[in-house]
């Protein structure tokens, strides 16, 4: 159990966190990991709570590493999955997420270039998914923290100043090759490639600063608390900057009233253009060489 009384963190596949939260009416699960995380989550739930099902599954947002096992777990336990109104279109089959932006560079940019690795389409949880509202998770308040996705939220418990922030921030830097390779546990911006609105991210970061949590659990990285958290958060708030480049930096994605997205046009990529010119030149040179050899033959 963590220093934030009654909150248990489980790290899945070495990178994504889910949280088991005890409350006055039982317990709840916050986020559900990857599609292959079902057994691991169920094992820990049984160790802590026996065969007692949760009162609900609560999502911070709907990316694959947070909602992957939601439908399987909700069906097994016969409970609802709760998400913010803005996130529902990505969870009921209505809308797809925008393609991850490899132009941001760094580790997540490279990941976004791998075909099939960065899932853009949403999930369809059917009748299991319901709108999130305060009071559904006793003792906790829903805090909108958009930017990484349109409907990203955090869960805040005022009694011990505990914040479950999803991917509004991370406690393990994922956007710097140096820090990733060093395995540094440090507060950082959301994973850059899937982030759709950097202006909103900045406001969400400022909101976290206003809350000034004493215990912080993010979607990626180990929870932080006490003096270490306060020191890291102060430094992060002073020096944090949004992505310097990328498709969605200057033109954020906008969510329309019907829940669908207005996605900016893809800007020209000078690297791709240069690569295309080089390839075309090589093909042309090869063709000239081949034609010349045939004539000489």
Protein backbone atom coordinates (compact mmCIF):
# COMPACT_ATOMS: atom_id res chain seq x y z
CA UNK A 1 0.00 0.00 0.00
CA UNK A 2 1.25 3.48 -0.82
CA UNK A 3 1.78 6.39 1.57
CA UNK A 4 -1.46 7.69 0.08
CA UNK A 5 -3.60 5.49 2.32
CA UNK A 6 -5.74 2.99 0.42
CA UNK A 7 -4.19 3.54 -3.02
CA UNK A 8 -2.30 0.61 -4.61
CA UNK A 9 -0.24 1.06 -7.79
CA UNK A 10 0.39 -1.77 -10.25
CA UNK A 11 2.87 -1.26 -13.09
CA UNK A 12 2.08 -3.32 -16.20
CA UNK A 13 4.57 -4.36 -18.89
CA UNK A 14 7.15 -2.21 -17.13
CA UNK A 15 5.59 1.08 -18.21
CA UNK A 16 1.83 1.63 -17.67
CA UNK A 17 0.19 2.07 -14.26
CA UNK A 18 -3.24 1.17 -12.93
CA UNK A 19 -4.51 2.08 -9.45
CA UNK A 20 -6.63 0.12 -7.00
CA UNK A 21 -8.48 2.63 -4.82
CA UNK A 22 -10.22 1.70 -1.59
CA UNK A 23 -13.15 3.90 -0.54
CA UNK A 24 -16.05 3.89 1.89
CA UNK A 25 -18.29 1.85 -0.40
CA UNK A 26 -15.67 -0.72 -1.46
CA UNK A 27 -12.96 -0.25 -4.04
CA UNK A 28 -12.51 0.96 -7.61
CA UNK A 29 -10.03 0.50 -10.45
CA UNK A 30 -8.49 3.54 -12.15
CA UNK A 31 -7.33 2.68 -15.71
CA UNK A 32 -6.90 -0.84 -17.05
CA UNK A 33 -3.56 -1.14 -18.83
CA UNK A 34 -3.03 -2.95 -22.11
CA UNK A 35 -5.35 -5.47 -23.82
CA UNK A 36 -3.15 -8.28 -22.40
CA UNK A 37 -3.26 -6.90 -18.80
CA UNK A 38 -6.49 -8.67 -17.77
CA UNK A 39 -4.92 -11.56 -15.83
CA UNK A 40 -2.33 -9.42 -14.05
CA UNK A 41 -4.97 -6.94 -12.86
CA UNK A 42 -7.34 -9.71 -11.79
CA UNK A 43 -4.57 -11.43 -9.80
CA UNK A 44 -3.76 -8.30 -7.79
CA UNK A 45 -7.45 -7.49 -7.28
CA UNK A 46 -8.02 -10.95 -5.79
CA UNK A 47 -4.98 -10.59 -3.52
CA UNK A 48 -6.30 -7.34 -2.08
CA UNK A 49 -10.08 -7.72 -2.26
CA UNK A 50 -10.84 -11.41 -2.76
CA UNK A 51 -13.85 -11.99 -5.00
CA UNK A 52 -15.42 -8.59 -4.22
CA UNK A 53 -15.83 -6.70 -7.51
CA UNK A 54 -15.07 -2.99 -7.79
CA UNK A 55 -17.82 -0.40 -7.65
CA UNK A 56 -16.67 0.70 -11.10
CA UNK A 57 -13.77 1.17 -13.49
CA UNK A 58 -12.68 4.80 -13.84
CA UNK A 59 -10.61 5.96 -16.80
CA UNK A 60 -8.30 8.95 -17.03
CA UNK A 61 -8.49 8.76 -20.83
CA UNK A 62 -8.97 6.22 -23.59
CA UNK A 63 -5.56 5.44 -25.06
CA UNK A 64 -4.75 1.77 -25.57
CA UNK A 65 -2.43 1.50 -22.56
CA UNK A 66 -5.16 2.82 -20.26
CA UNK A 67 -8.33 1.22 -21.61
CA UNK A 68 -6.94 -1.98 -23.11
CA UNK A 69 -8.53 -4.41 -20.61
CA UNK A 70 -11.55 -2.28 -19.70
CA UNK A 71 -14.20 -4.24 -21.57
CA UNK A 72 -12.92 -7.64 -20.46
CA UNK A 73 -12.71 -6.59 -16.80
CA UNK A 74 -16.06 -4.78 -16.83
CA UNK A 75 -17.72 -7.84 -18.33
CA UNK A 76 -16.03 -10.20 -15.86
CA UNK A 77 -17.04 -8.09 -12.84
CA UNK A 78 -20.35 -6.90 -14.37
CA UNK A 79 -19.62 -3.23 -13.65
CA UNK A 80 -19.63 0.02 -15.60
CA UNK A 81 -16.68 1.89 -17.05
CA UNK A 82 -16.72 5.64 -16.45
CA UNK A 83 -15.05 8.32 -18.58
CA UNK A 84 -15.50 12.05 -19.17
CA UNK A 85 -18.05 13.26 -21.70
CA UNK A 86 -15.31 14.52 -24.01
CA UNK A 87 -13.65 11.09 -24.00
CA UNK A 88 -16.80 9.06 -24.64
CA UNK A 89 -16.68 9.35 -28.47
CA UNK A 90 -13.38 7.42 -28.41
CA UNK A 91 -14.87 4.72 -26.19
CA UNK A 92 -18.25 4.09 -27.82
CA UNK A 93 -17.04 3.55 -31.38
CA UNK A 94 -18.04 6.99 -32.64
CA UNK A 95 -14.65 8.59 -33.17
CA UNK A 96 -11.00 7.70 -33.70
CA UNK A 97 -8.03 9.39 -32.10
CA UNK A 98 -5.78 11.42 -34.40
CA UNK A 99 -2.69 9.70 -35.70
CA UNK A 100 0.27 10.02 -33.31
CA UNK A 101 2.64 12.79 -34.37
CA UNK A 102 6.08 11.36 -35.16
CA UNK A 103 7.31 14.89 -35.96
CA UNK A 104 7.75 15.64 -32.26
CA UNK A 105 10.87 13.46 -32.33
CA UNK A 106 12.25 11.65 -29.29
CA UNK A 107 11.30 8.15 -28.12
CA UNK A 108 7.55 8.56 -28.57
CA UNK A 109 8.07 10.05 -32.03
CA UNK A 110 10.08 6.99 -33.05
CA UNK A 111 7.39 4.73 -31.59
CA UNK A 112 4.77 6.56 -33.66
CA UNK A 113 6.69 5.72 -36.85
CA UNK A 114 6.39 1.97 -36.30
CA UNK A 115 3.41 0.63 -38.31
CA UNK A 116 0.77 -0.94 -36.09
CA UNK A 117 2.50 0.00 -32.82
CA UNK A 118 0.69 3.25 -32.08
CA UNK A 119 -3.04 2.57 -32.11
CA UNK A 120 -4.99 5.62 -33.28
CA UNK A 121 -8.50 4.23 -33.48
CA UNK A 122 -10.73 4.29 -30.44
CA UNK A 123 -12.43 1.47 -28.58
CA UNK A 124 -16.08 0.46 -28.48
CA UNK A 125 -17.07 -0.48 -24.94
CA UNK A 126 -20.75 -0.57 -25.85
CA UNK A 127 -23.24 -0.24 -23.00
CA UNK A 128 -20.50 -0.71 -20.40
CA UNK A 129 -19.19 2.84 -20.73
CA UNK A 130 -21.02 5.65 -18.92
CA UNK A 131 -20.44 9.40 -18.37
CA UNK A 132 -18.20 10.29 -15.47
CA UNK A 133 -19.50 12.52 -12.67
CA UNK A 134 -18.46 13.60 -9.19
CA UNK A 135 -19.80 11.30 -6.49
CA UNK A 136 -19.36 8.07 -8.43
CA UNK A 137 -15.98 7.55 -6.76
CA UNK A 138 -16.63 8.37 -3.09
CA UNK A 139 -14.16 10.78 -1.54
CA UNK A 140 -12.68 11.79 -4.89
CA UNK A 141 -13.22 14.75 -7.19
CA UNK A 142 -12.92 14.63 -10.98
CA UNK A 143 -10.38 17.21 -12.24
CA UNK A 144 -10.40 18.01 -16.00
CA UNK A 145 -6.79 17.87 -17.28
CA UNK A 146 -7.18 17.97 -21.08
CA UNK A 147 -4.47 18.30 -23.70
CA UNK A 148 -2.99 14.83 -24.00
CA UNK A 149 -6.49 13.86 -25.14
CA UNK A 150 -9.61 16.05 -25.24
CA UNK A 151 -11.22 14.32 -22.26
CA UNK A 152 -8.21 13.47 -20.07
CA UNK A 153 -9.07 13.80 -16.36
CA UNK A 154 -7.41 13.29 -13.01
CA UNK A 155 -8.86 12.09 -9.70
CA UNK A 156 -8.24 14.26 -6.63
CA UNK A 157 -8.70 13.35 -2.97
CA UNK A 158 -8.56 16.48 -0.85
CA UNK A 159 -8.35 14.64 2.49
CA UNK A 160 -4.73 13.59 1.90
CA UNK A 161 -4.01 15.68 -1.22
CA UNK A 162 -3.66 12.68 -3.50
CA UNK A 163 -3.81 13.11 -7.29
CA UNK A 164 -4.10 10.36 -9.89
CA UNK A 165 -3.12 12.36 -12.96
CA UNK A 166 -3.28 9.88 -15.84
CA UNK A 167 -1.03 11.21 -18.61
CA UNK A 168 -1.47 14.90 -17.80
CA UNK A 169 2.10 14.53 -16.54
CA UNK A 170 4.42 11.56 -16.14
CA UNK A 171 6.76 10.66 -13.28
CA UNK A 172 9.15 8.99 -15.70
CA UNK A 173 10.48 11.11 -18.55
CA UNK A 174 9.38 9.60 -21.87
CA UNK A 175 10.24 12.42 -24.28
CA UNK A 176 14.02 12.58 -23.82
CA UNK A 177 16.35 9.90 -25.16
CA UNK A 178 18.95 10.69 -22.50
CA UNK A 179 16.55 10.36 -19.60
CA UNK A 180 14.80 7.31 -21.02
CA UNK A 181 18.12 5.50 -21.43
CA UNK A 182 19.12 6.47 -17.91
CA UNK A 183 15.74 5.34 -16.57
CA UNK A 184 15.34 8.61 -14.71
CA UNK A 185 12.26 9.00 -12.56
CA UNK A 186 11.47 12.66 -13.05
CA UNK A 187 8.25 14.59 -13.62
CA UNK A 188 7.77 15.27 -17.32
CA UNK A 189 5.26 16.37 -19.91
CA UNK A 190 2.76 13.86 -21.35
CA UNK A 191 3.99 11.35 -23.96
CA UNK A 192 4.46 13.73 -26.86
CA UNK A 193 3.44 11.79 -29.97
CA UNK A 194 -0.23 11.16 -29.02
CA UNK A 195 -0.72 14.61 -27.42
CA UNK A 196 -3.23 16.66 -29.40
CA UNK A 197 -3.34 20.12 -27.76
CA UNK A 198 -0.18 21.55 -26.21
CA UNK A 199 -1.84 24.80 -25.12
CA UNK A 200 -4.31 22.78 -23.06
CA UNK A 201 -1.45 20.66 -21.70
CA UNK A 202 0.22 23.78 -20.32
CA UNK A 203 -2.99 24.85 -18.58
CA UNK A 204 -3.44 21.37 -17.12
CA UNK A 205 0.12 21.43 -15.79
CA UNK A 206 -0.61 24.77 -14.14
CA UNK A 207 -3.77 23.26 -12.62
CA UNK A 208 -1.70 20.47 -11.09
CA UNK A 209 0.59 23.11 -9.65
CA UNK A 210 -2.38 24.88 -8.09
CA UNK A 211 -3.55 21.63 -6.47
CA UNK A 212 -0.06 21.12 -4.99
CA UNK A 213 -0.53 17.38 -4.30
CA UNK A 214 1.29 15.58 -1.49
CA UNK A 215 1.06 12.28 -3.40
CA UNK A 216 1.11 11.99 -7.19
CA UNK A 217 0.36 8.90 -9.23
CA UNK A 218 0.72 9.19 -13.02
CA UNK A 219 0.05 6.82 -15.88
CA UNK A 220 3.79 6.25 -16.38
CA UNK A 221 6.50 6.19 -13.71
CA UNK A 222 6.48 5.40 -10.01
CA UNK A 223 4.33 7.49 -7.65
CA UNK A 224 6.02 10.41 -5.89
CA UNK A 225 5.20 11.92 -2.51
CA UNK A 226 6.40 14.23 0.23
CA UNK A 227 9.53 16.34 -0.06
CA UNK A 228 10.74 14.62 -3.24
CA UNK A 229 7.46 15.33 -5.00
CA UNK A 230 7.36 18.97 -3.89
CA UNK A 231 10.95 19.56 -5.02
CA UNK A 232 10.44 17.89 -8.40
CA UNK A 233 7.09 19.58 -9.00
CA UNK A 234 8.48 23.05 -8.22
CA UNK A 235 11.36 22.49 -10.65
CA UNK A 236 9.07 21.05 -13.31
CA UNK A 237 6.63 23.95 -13.10
CA UNK A 238 9.47 26.44 -13.46
CA UNK A 239 11.19 24.87 -16.45
CA UNK A 240 8.55 22.78 -18.25
CA UNK A 241 8.01 23.66 -21.89
CA UNK A 242 5.68 22.34 -24.54
CA UNK A 243 6.97 20.41 -27.54
CA UNK A 244 9.13 22.55 -29.82
CA UNK A 245 8.01 20.93 -33.04
CA UNK A 246 5.21 18.75 -34.30
CA UNK A 247 2.00 18.67 -36.25
CA UNK A 248 -0.24 19.66 -33.32
CA UNK A 249 1.99 22.27 -31.67
CA UNK A 250 0.98 25.33 -33.69
CA UNK A 251 -2.44 23.95 -34.67
CA UNK A 252 -4.08 21.96 -31.87
CA UNK A 253 -6.77 19.42 -32.58
CA UNK A 254 -10.25 20.74 -31.73
CA UNK A 255 -13.23 18.70 -30.59
CA UNK A 256 -16.51 19.74 -32.16
CA UNK A 257 -19.87 19.77 -30.37
CA UNK A 258 -20.80 16.35 -31.76
CA UNK A 259 -17.62 14.85 -30.29
CA UNK A 260 -15.77 14.45 -33.58
CA UNK A 261 -12.39 16.08 -34.18
CA UNK A 262 -11.21 18.93 -36.36
CA UNK A 263 -7.68 17.87 -37.32
CA UNK A 264 -5.25 20.32 -38.97
CA UNK A 265 -3.81 19.44 -42.35
CA UNK A 266 -0.49 17.62 -42.36
CA UNK A 267 2.30 20.19 -42.86
CA UNK A 268 5.06 19.42 -45.34
CA UNK A 269 7.91 17.42 -43.83
CA UNK A 270 11.30 18.71 -45.13
CA UNK A 271 13.04 15.47 -44.13
CA UNK A 272 10.55 13.37 -46.08
CA UNK A 273 10.79 15.77 -49.01
CA UNK A 274 14.60 15.61 -49.02
CA UNK A 275 14.48 11.83 -48.73
CA UNK A 276 12.06 11.68 -51.65
CA UNK A 277 14.35 13.85 -53.78
CA UNK A 278 17.36 11.66 -52.96
CA UNK A 279 15.46 8.47 -53.75
CA UNK A 280 14.14 9.92 -57.00
CA UNK A 281 17.68 11.03 -57.93
CA UNK A 282 19.08 7.58 -57.17
CA UNK A 283 16.38 5.88 -59.25
CA UNK A 284 16.99 8.29 -62.14
CA UNK A 285 20.76 7.75 -61.97
CA UNK A 286 20.28 3.99 -61.94
CA UNK A 287 17.98 4.25 -64.95
CA UNK A 288 20.49 6.36 -66.89
CA UNK A 289 23.30 3.93 -66.03
CA UNK A 290 21.23 0.93 -67.10
CA UNK A 291 20.13 2.61 -70.35
CA UNK A 292 23.73 3.62 -71.14
CA UNK A 293 25.01 0.09 -70.51
CA UNK A 294 22.39 -1.35 -72.84
CA UNK A 295 23.30 1.05 -75.63
CA UNK A 296 27.00 0.30 -75.20
CA UNK A 297 26.25 -3.43 -75.20
